[in-house]
Structures are given as C-alpha cells and as structure tokens.
Amino acid sequence: MPVKTRVALKTLVLSSGAAFALLGPGMASATLGEPAASVQTDVQELRGSIKEADHGSYREHEIQLPSGTVVREYSGLDGIVFAVTWQGPFMPNLRQTLGRYFDTYAAAAKAGHASRQHLQVQQSDLVVQVSGHMRAFTGRAYLPQAIPGGVSLEDLQ
C-alpha cells in the first residue's frame, strides 16, 4: 500500500477526532471505562434518540445522532462502559468516546497501525478498530479485560 494513502487515512482519522472534539457537547457520547450514567445526559445534549436493550450480562444503549451516526455503548452489570461502537456518515467525538484511552489511541495511530482504509490499535488493555471512508465510518473500541463472561466480540456491533 502506498505510504501516501496510509498517511491520508491516519490524518483523516486523527483530524476527524480533533475536529469533533472542538465541537463541544453537541457531539458527546458515553465514555469507555466510565459509568454508563452519562448516557441520558448525552442523549439530551445530542438531541438524539435512544434505544436500550438488556442482554443479561450487559446492557446496550443505542444512540441515533441527528447526523445519522449510530453510537452503541455496552455496559456491564457493574455499570461501567466496556465497549463503544459506531457506524454512520460521521465519526463520533473520539476524544469523548475513548476518554482516558484517547491519548493511547492517538499515539498508536501515529505509530503506523493503519492500512488503506483501516486503523487498528491492539494492546492488552485497549482495542480500537476504525474503518471506512468519507461519509461511511464504522468502528469499535473495547477493553478486553472488562468484557463480561459469555459476551463475544460478535455481540459488539
């Protein structure tokens, strides 16, 4: 893969996260590794709609943003967000979504973990997978050690 393409994707992903971080509370979402209680506040600030589903060992909170992007947040029985996924025409605010894990993600992204249309950060305590192109982004971030027993990665869509 050409280096120019790889650099363009990394630049797009990092600059998208930085740009959305500057937009403020209108682009907020639940934060990885933090309590799920922030979801209701985020829904009000986003003027989005939410669907919630109880899957036994975890809860799924699906937020439909006015931009068309859908953010799903997964919290365990302890109320802590162990995974966040997104799909839609715009990236969510990754600084808000990843919280304290954002700097780890940004450093790994700069280090060159990208292919043509995919960026993956895989560490023992954090996995972030981002793919797509302009107006069609998907991704997920999760804490491997925090995934409840019996929950598979296929459940996190």
Protein backbone atom coordinates (compact mmCIF):
# COMPACT_ATOMS: atom_id res chain seq x y z
CA MET A 1 0.00 0.00 0.00
CA PRO A 2 1.32 3.44 -0.86
CA VAL A 3 2.61 5.46 2.08
CA LYS A 4 0.63 8.48 0.87
CA THR A 5 -2.67 6.55 1.24
CA ARG A 6 -1.72 5.32 4.72
CA VAL A 7 -0.81 8.83 5.84
CA ALA A 8 -4.05 10.23 4.39
CA LEU A 9 -6.17 7.75 6.37
CA LYS A 10 -4.30 8.42 9.62
CA THR A 11 -4.60 12.15 9.05
CA LEU A 12 -8.34 11.82 8.34
CA VAL A 13 -8.98 9.70 11.43
CA LEU A 14 -6.90 11.87 13.76
CA SER A 15 -8.10 15.19 12.36
CA SER A 16 -11.72 13.99 12.44
CA GLY A 17 -11.34 13.15 16.12
CA ALA A 18 -9.69 16.50 16.82
CA ALA A 19 -12.27 18.45 14.81
CA PHE A 20 -15.21 16.79 16.54
CA ALA A 21 -13.56 17.33 19.93
CA LEU A 22 -13.68 21.06 19.24
CA LEU A 23 -17.41 20.98 18.53
CA GLY A 24 -18.15 20.57 22.22
CA PRO A 25 -21.13 18.97 23.91
CA GLY A 26 -23.18 18.66 20.73
CA MET A 27 -21.03 15.68 19.77
CA ALA A 28 -20.70 13.98 23.18
CA SER A 29 -21.13 10.28 23.80
CA ALA A 30 -20.63 7.78 26.59
CA THR A 31 -17.04 7.26 27.63
CA LEU A 32 -15.13 3.98 27.53
CA GLY A 33 -14.22 2.75 31.01
CA GLU A 34 -16.56 5.19 32.77
CA PRO A 35 -20.03 4.77 34.34
CA ALA A 36 -22.92 4.40 31.90
CA ALA A 37 -24.94 7.01 33.81
CA SER A 38 -23.71 9.70 31.40
CA VAL A 39 -25.78 8.24 28.55
CA GLN A 40 -29.03 10.02 29.46
CA THR A 41 -27.29 13.39 29.71
CA ASP A 42 -25.61 12.78 26.38
CA VAL A 43 -28.90 11.91 24.69
CA GLN A 44 -30.41 15.21 25.87
CA GLU A 45 -27.37 17.24 24.76
CA LEU A 46 -27.23 15.46 21.41
CA ARG A 47 -30.95 15.74 20.83
CA GLY A 48 -30.66 12.14 19.78
CA SER A 49 -32.91 9.20 20.38
CA ILE A 50 -32.00 6.19 22.45
CA LYS A 51 -32.96 2.53 22.48
CA GLU A 52 -31.86 0.32 25.33
CA ALA A 53 -31.70 -3.44 25.48
CA ASP A 54 -30.85 -5.73 28.39
CA HIS A 55 -28.83 -8.77 27.28
CA GLY A 56 -28.47 -10.42 30.69
CA SER A 57 -24.78 -9.87 31.43
CA TYR A 58 -24.66 -6.44 29.73
CA ARG A 59 -26.82 -3.52 28.58
CA GLU A 60 -26.76 -1.98 25.13
CA HIS A 61 -27.55 1.72 24.71
CA GLU A 62 -28.06 2.73 21.07
CA ILE A 63 -27.99 6.46 20.38
CA GLN A 64 -29.15 7.73 17.00
CA LEU A 65 -27.46 11.07 16.40
CA PRO A 66 -29.05 13.79 14.24
CA SER A 67 -26.05 13.44 11.89
CA GLY A 68 -27.16 9.89 11.04
CA THR A 69 -24.38 8.20 13.01
CA VAL A 70 -25.41 5.47 15.44
CA VAL A 71 -23.33 5.03 18.60
CA ARG A 72 -23.80 1.89 20.68
CA GLU A 73 -22.46 1.75 24.19
CA TYR A 74 -22.15 -1.50 26.10
CA SER A 75 -22.04 -1.57 29.89
CA GLY A 76 -21.60 -4.49 32.23
CA LEU A 77 -23.69 -5.28 35.31
CA ASP A 78 -21.26 -3.06 37.24
CA GLY A 79 -22.46 -0.10 35.14
CA ILE A 80 -19.07 0.53 33.53
CA VAL A 81 -18.81 1.01 29.76
CA PHE A 82 -16.64 -1.81 28.40
CA ALA A 83 -17.19 -1.17 24.67
CA VAL A 84 -18.40 1.50 22.26
CA THR A 85 -19.22 1.01 18.57
CA TRP A 86 -20.27 3.45 15.86
CA GLN A 87 -21.50 3.44 12.31
CA GLY A 88 -22.52 6.29 10.07
CA PRO A 89 -21.56 9.21 7.88
CA PHE A 90 -19.50 10.95 10.58
CA MET A 91 -17.00 9.81 13.21
CA PRO A 92 -18.14 10.39 16.78
CA ASN A 93 -16.01 12.57 19.03
CA LEU A 94 -13.25 10.04 19.74
CA ARG A 95 -11.70 12.16 22.48
CA GLN A 96 -15.03 12.00 24.36
CA THR A 97 -15.82 8.42 23.38
CA LEU A 98 -12.41 6.99 24.33
CA GLY A 99 -11.93 9.25 27.36
CA ARG A 100 -8.68 8.47 29.17
CA TYR A 101 -7.79 6.00 26.41
CA PHE A 102 -7.74 8.65 23.65
CA ASP A 103 -4.06 9.55 24.07
CA THR A 104 -3.08 5.87 23.83
CA TYR A 105 -5.16 5.55 20.65
CA ALA A 106 -3.73 8.74 19.12
CA ALA A 107 -0.13 7.72 19.85
CA ALA A 108 -0.66 4.25 18.35
CA ALA A 109 -2.38 5.74 15.29
CA LYS A 110 0.63 7.99 14.68
CA ALA A 111 2.93 4.99 15.05
CA GLY A 112 1.54 3.45 11.87
CA HIS A 113 -1.06 0.80 12.65
CA ALA A 114 -3.12 1.66 9.55
CA SER A 115 -3.82 0.08 6.21
CA ARG A 116 -5.57 1.73 3.28
CA GLN A 117 -8.96 2.14 4.94
CA HIS A 118 -8.46 0.57 8.34
CA LEU A 119 -6.78 1.55 11.58
CA GLN A 120 -6.31 -0.92 14.40
CA VAL A 121 -4.81 -0.41 17.81
CA GLN A 122 -4.44 -3.62 19.77
CA GLN A 123 -2.98 -3.54 23.25
CA SER A 124 -3.57 -5.70 26.30
CA ASP A 125 -5.91 -3.13 27.86
CA LEU A 126 -7.41 -1.46 24.75
CA VAL A 127 -8.54 -2.42 21.25
CA VAL A 128 -9.70 0.22 18.77
CA GLN A 129 -10.75 -0.65 15.21
CA VAL A 130 -11.70 2.13 12.79
CA SER A 131 -12.53 1.70 9.12
CA GLY A 132 -14.33 3.42 6.31
CA HIS A 133 -14.09 6.43 4.12
CA MET A 134 -15.71 9.84 3.87
CA ARG A 135 -19.42 9.60 4.91
CA ALA A 136 -19.20 5.87 5.75
CA PHE A 137 -17.36 5.19 9.02
CA THR A 138 -17.51 2.21 11.35
CA GLY A 139 -15.54 1.40 14.43
CA ARG A 140 -15.41 -0.12 17.83
CA ALA A 141 -13.33 0.30 20.93
CA TYR A 142 -13.32 -2.09 23.84
CA LEU A 143 -11.50 -3.05 26.99
CA PRO A 144 -10.66 -6.78 26.64
CA GLN A 145 -10.28 -7.35 30.39
CA ALA A 146 -13.69 -5.75 31.10
CA ILE A 147 -15.82 -7.79 28.67
CA PRO A 148 -18.28 -9.83 30.76
CA GLY A 149 -18.05 -13.61 30.62
CA GLY A 150 -20.15 -15.11 27.84
CA VAL A 151 -20.04 -11.97 25.69
CA SER A 152 -18.32 -12.39 22.33
CA LEU A 153 -16.86 -9.72 20.09
CA GLU A 154 -19.58 -10.53 17.53
CA ASP A 155 -22.10 -9.23 20.09
CA LEU A 156 -20.44 -5.81 19.86
CA GLN A 157 -21.68 -4.50 16.54
